[in-house]
Amino acid sequence: MKKAVTWGLAISYIILFIAMGVMGIKIFDGNYDIVAEGCVALIFLLISCVCNIYRAFSNRCPHCGKIRLSNGKYCSHCGKEI
């Protein structure tokens, strides 16, 4: 599942970057009709936020199963080496 979330995060950042670039080019050319690009950018911004939240809370210790808040060498709950 972590690979899927990582790929989803990368793809959402790429599409978000492209949508923002298209919006910028349209505004630079004087065309202010950017509703579709804005909606696409908002959707992929939300997807990237959800992926980041999932990645933050899926970092679990393989020994005790509790969420690790840091990426240290040892688990802060059980003290075993990761």
N, C-alpha and C. Protein backbone atom coordinates (compact mmCIF):
# COMPACT_ATOMS: atom_id res chain seq x y z
N MET A 1 0.82 -1.19 0.00
CA MET A 1 0.00 0.00 0.00
C MET A 1 0.87 1.26 0.00
N LYS A 2 2.04 1.16 0.65
CA LYS A 2 2.90 2.34 0.69
C LYS A 2 3.41 2.73 -0.69
N LYS A 3 3.68 1.74 -1.53
CA LYS A 3 4.13 2.05 -2.89
C LYS A 3 3.03 2.76 -3.67
N ALA A 4 1.80 2.30 -3.51
CA ALA A 4 0.68 2.92 -4.22
C ALA A 4 0.49 4.36 -3.76
N VAL A 5 0.62 4.59 -2.47
CA VAL A 5 0.47 5.95 -1.94
C VAL A 5 1.62 6.83 -2.42
N THR A 6 2.82 6.29 -2.46
CA THR A 6 3.97 7.06 -2.93
C THR A 6 3.81 7.41 -4.41
N TRP A 7 3.37 6.45 -5.22
CA TRP A 7 3.14 6.73 -6.64
C TRP A 7 1.99 7.73 -6.82
N GLY A 8 0.94 7.58 -6.04
CA GLY A 8 -0.18 8.52 -6.10
C GLY A 8 0.26 9.93 -5.74
N LEU A 9 1.14 10.02 -4.75
CA LEU A 9 1.65 11.32 -4.35
C LEU A 9 2.50 11.95 -5.45
N ALA A 10 3.36 11.16 -6.06
CA ALA A 10 4.21 11.68 -7.14
C ALA A 10 3.37 12.11 -8.34
N ILE A 11 2.41 11.29 -8.72
CA ILE A 11 1.57 11.64 -9.87
C ILE A 11 0.71 12.86 -9.57
N SER A 12 0.19 12.97 -8.35
CA SER A 12 -0.63 14.13 -8.01
C SER A 12 0.20 15.41 -8.01
N TYR A 13 1.46 15.33 -7.56
CA TYR A 13 2.31 16.53 -7.62
C TYR A 13 2.61 16.92 -9.07
N ILE A 14 2.83 15.95 -9.93
CA ILE A 14 3.12 16.26 -11.34
C ILE A 14 1.91 16.91 -12.00
N ILE A 15 0.72 16.33 -11.80
CA ILE A 15 -0.48 16.89 -12.42
C ILE A 15 -0.80 18.25 -11.82
N LEU A 16 -0.59 18.42 -10.52
CA LEU A 16 -0.80 19.72 -9.88
C LEU A 16 0.13 20.77 -10.48
N PHE A 17 1.38 20.40 -10.68
CA PHE A 17 2.35 21.32 -11.28
C PHE A 17 1.96 21.70 -12.70
N ILE A 18 1.48 20.72 -13.48
CA ILE A 18 1.06 20.99 -14.86
C ILE A 18 -0.17 21.90 -14.87
N ALA A 19 -1.15 21.62 -14.00
CA ALA A 19 -2.36 22.44 -13.95
C ALA A 19 -2.04 23.88 -13.55
N MET A 20 -1.15 24.04 -12.59
CA MET A 20 -0.77 25.40 -12.17
C MET A 20 -0.01 26.11 -13.29
N GLY A 21 0.80 25.37 -14.04
CA GLY A 21 1.52 25.96 -15.16
C GLY A 21 0.57 26.42 -16.26
N VAL A 22 -0.43 25.61 -16.56
CA VAL A 22 -1.42 25.98 -17.58
C VAL A 22 -2.20 27.21 -17.12
N MET A 23 -2.54 27.25 -15.84
CA MET A 23 -3.23 28.44 -15.31
C MET A 23 -2.37 29.69 -15.45
N GLY A 24 -1.10 29.55 -15.14
CA GLY A 24 -0.19 30.69 -15.26
C GLY A 24 -0.03 31.17 -16.69
N ILE A 25 0.06 30.23 -17.62
CA ILE A 25 0.19 30.60 -19.04
C ILE A 25 -1.08 31.29 -19.52
N LYS A 26 -2.25 30.78 -19.12
CA LYS A 26 -3.51 31.42 -19.52
C LYS A 26 -3.62 32.83 -18.97
N ILE A 27 -3.27 33.01 -17.71
CA ILE A 27 -3.34 34.35 -17.11
C ILE A 27 -2.35 35.28 -17.78
N PHE A 28 -1.16 34.78 -18.08
CA PHE A 28 -0.15 35.60 -18.75
C PHE A 28 -0.61 36.05 -20.13
N ASP A 29 -1.39 35.21 -20.83
CA ASP A 29 -1.90 35.56 -22.16
C ASP A 29 -3.15 36.43 -22.10
N GLY A 30 -3.68 36.68 -20.93
CA GLY A 30 -4.85 37.54 -20.79
C GLY A 30 -6.16 36.77 -20.76
N ASN A 31 -6.12 35.46 -20.79
CA ASN A 31 -7.32 34.64 -20.73
C ASN A 31 -7.55 34.28 -19.26
N TYR A 32 -8.62 34.82 -18.67
CA TYR A 32 -8.87 34.60 -17.25
C TYR A 32 -9.90 33.52 -16.99
N ASP A 33 -10.17 32.68 -17.98
CA ASP A 33 -11.10 31.57 -17.81
C ASP A 33 -10.30 30.33 -17.37
N ILE A 34 -10.07 30.23 -16.06
CA ILE A 34 -9.21 29.16 -15.53
C ILE A 34 -9.95 28.27 -14.54
N VAL A 35 -11.27 28.20 -14.68
CA VAL A 35 -12.07 27.43 -13.73
C VAL A 35 -11.74 25.94 -13.80
N ALA A 36 -11.63 25.39 -15.00
CA ALA A 36 -11.35 23.95 -15.14
C ALA A 36 -9.98 23.59 -14.57
N GLU A 37 -8.99 24.39 -14.89
CA GLU A 37 -7.65 24.11 -14.37
C GLU A 37 -7.60 24.28 -12.85
N GLY A 38 -8.35 25.25 -12.35
CA GLY A 38 -8.41 25.45 -10.90
C GLY A 38 -9.04 24.28 -10.18
N CYS A 39 -10.09 23.72 -10.78
CA CYS A 39 -10.74 22.54 -10.19
C CYS A 39 -9.81 21.33 -10.20
N VAL A 40 -9.11 21.13 -11.32
CA VAL A 40 -8.15 20.02 -11.40
C VAL A 40 -7.04 20.20 -10.37
N ALA A 41 -6.52 21.41 -10.26
CA ALA A 41 -5.46 21.68 -9.28
C ALA A 41 -5.95 21.45 -7.86
N LEU A 42 -7.17 21.86 -7.55
CA LEU A 42 -7.71 21.67 -6.21
C LEU A 42 -7.90 20.19 -5.89
N ILE A 43 -8.40 19.43 -6.85
CA ILE A 43 -8.61 17.99 -6.63
C ILE A 43 -7.28 17.30 -6.36
N PHE A 44 -6.26 17.59 -7.15
CA PHE A 44 -4.98 16.92 -6.95
C PHE A 44 -4.22 17.46 -5.75
N LEU A 45 -4.51 18.68 -5.33
CA LEU A 45 -3.95 19.18 -4.08
C LEU A 45 -4.54 18.41 -2.90
N LEU A 46 -5.85 18.16 -2.95
CA LEU A 46 -6.48 17.37 -1.89
C LEU A 46 -5.98 15.92 -1.88
N ILE A 47 -5.79 15.34 -3.06
CA ILE A 47 -5.25 13.98 -3.14
C ILE A 47 -3.85 13.92 -2.53
N SER A 48 -3.02 14.92 -2.83
CA SER A 48 -1.67 14.92 -2.27
C SER A 48 -1.69 15.11 -0.75
N CYS A 49 -2.63 15.91 -0.25
CA CYS A 49 -2.75 16.07 1.20
C CYS A 49 -3.16 14.76 1.87
N VAL A 50 -4.10 14.05 1.28
CA VAL A 50 -4.55 12.77 1.83
C VAL A 50 -3.40 11.76 1.81
N CYS A 51 -2.65 11.72 0.73
CA CYS A 51 -1.51 10.80 0.64
C CYS A 51 -0.45 11.12 1.69
N ASN A 52 -0.18 12.41 1.89
CA ASN A 52 0.80 12.80 2.91
C ASN A 52 0.33 12.43 4.31
N ILE A 53 -0.96 12.62 4.59
CA ILE A 53 -1.49 12.25 5.91
C ILE A 53 -1.41 10.74 6.10
N TYR A 54 -1.74 9.97 5.07
CA TYR A 54 -1.65 8.52 5.18
C TYR A 54 -0.21 8.08 5.43
N ARG A 55 0.74 8.69 4.72
CA ARG A 55 2.14 8.31 4.91
C ARG A 55 2.62 8.66 6.31
N ALA A 56 2.12 9.76 6.87
CA ALA A 56 2.55 10.14 8.21
C ALA A 56 2.03 9.18 9.28
N PHE A 57 0.82 8.68 9.10
CA PHE A 57 0.22 7.81 10.11
C PHE A 57 0.37 6.33 9.83
N SER A 58 1.03 5.96 8.74
CA SER A 58 1.22 4.54 8.47
C SER A 58 2.62 4.07 8.83
N ASN A 59 3.39 4.92 9.43
CA ASN A 59 4.75 4.58 9.84
C ASN A 59 4.67 3.86 11.19
N ARG A 60 4.58 2.54 11.16
CA ARG A 60 4.40 1.75 12.37
C ARG A 60 5.63 0.91 12.68
N CYS A 61 5.79 0.62 13.95
CA CYS A 61 6.88 -0.25 14.41
C CYS A 61 6.54 -1.69 14.03
N PRO A 62 7.48 -2.43 13.46
CA PRO A 62 7.19 -3.83 13.09
C PRO A 62 7.09 -4.75 14.31
N HIS A 63 7.56 -4.32 15.47
CA HIS A 63 7.54 -5.17 16.66
C HIS A 63 6.29 -4.96 17.51
N CYS A 64 5.98 -3.71 17.84
CA CYS A 64 4.84 -3.46 18.72
C CYS A 64 3.61 -2.95 17.97
N GLY A 65 3.78 -2.45 16.74
CA GLY A 65 2.65 -2.01 15.93
C GLY A 65 2.17 -0.61 16.21
N LYS A 66 2.84 0.11 17.09
CA LYS A 66 2.41 1.48 17.39
C LYS A 66 3.01 2.46 16.38
N ILE A 67 2.35 3.60 16.23
CA ILE A 67 2.80 4.61 15.27
C ILE A 67 4.08 5.26 15.77
N ARG A 68 5.10 5.26 14.89
CA ARG A 68 6.36 5.91 15.22
C ARG A 68 6.28 7.36 14.75
N LEU A 69 6.58 8.29 15.63
CA LEU A 69 6.51 9.70 15.29
C LEU A 69 7.81 10.22 14.69
N SER A 70 8.89 9.48 14.89
CA SER A 70 10.18 9.88 14.32
C SER A 70 10.72 8.73 13.48
N ASN A 71 11.66 9.04 12.65
CA ASN A 71 12.27 8.01 11.81
C ASN A 71 13.61 7.58 12.38
N GLY A 72 13.66 7.44 13.68
CA GLY A 72 14.90 7.05 14.35
C GLY A 72 15.22 5.58 14.17
N LYS A 73 16.34 5.18 14.78
CA LYS A 73 16.81 3.81 14.66
C LYS A 73 16.06 2.87 15.61
N TYR A 74 15.50 3.44 16.70
CA TYR A 74 14.81 2.64 17.70
C TYR A 74 13.38 3.13 17.87
N CYS A 75 12.49 2.21 18.22
CA CYS A 75 11.09 2.55 18.48
C CYS A 75 11.01 3.25 19.84
N SER A 76 10.24 4.33 19.90
CA SER A 76 10.13 5.06 21.16
C SER A 76 9.19 4.37 22.15
N HIS A 77 8.41 3.42 21.69
CA HIS A 77 7.47 2.72 22.58
C HIS A 77 8.07 1.44 23.17
N CYS A 78 8.63 0.58 22.31
CA CYS A 78 9.14 -0.70 22.82
C CYS A 78 10.67 -0.70 22.94
N GLY A 79 11.36 0.22 22.31
CA GLY A 79 12.80 0.34 22.43
C GLY A 79 13.60 -0.60 21.54
N LYS A 80 12.93 -1.37 20.69
CA LYS A 80 13.64 -2.30 19.82
C LYS A 80 14.14 -1.59 18.58
N GLU A 81 15.18 -2.16 18.00
CA GLU A 81 15.78 -1.57 16.80
C GLU A 81 14.88 -1.85 15.59
N ILE A 82 14.70 -0.85 14.78
CA ILE A 82 13.85 -0.96 13.59
C ILE A 82 14.65 -1.56 12.45
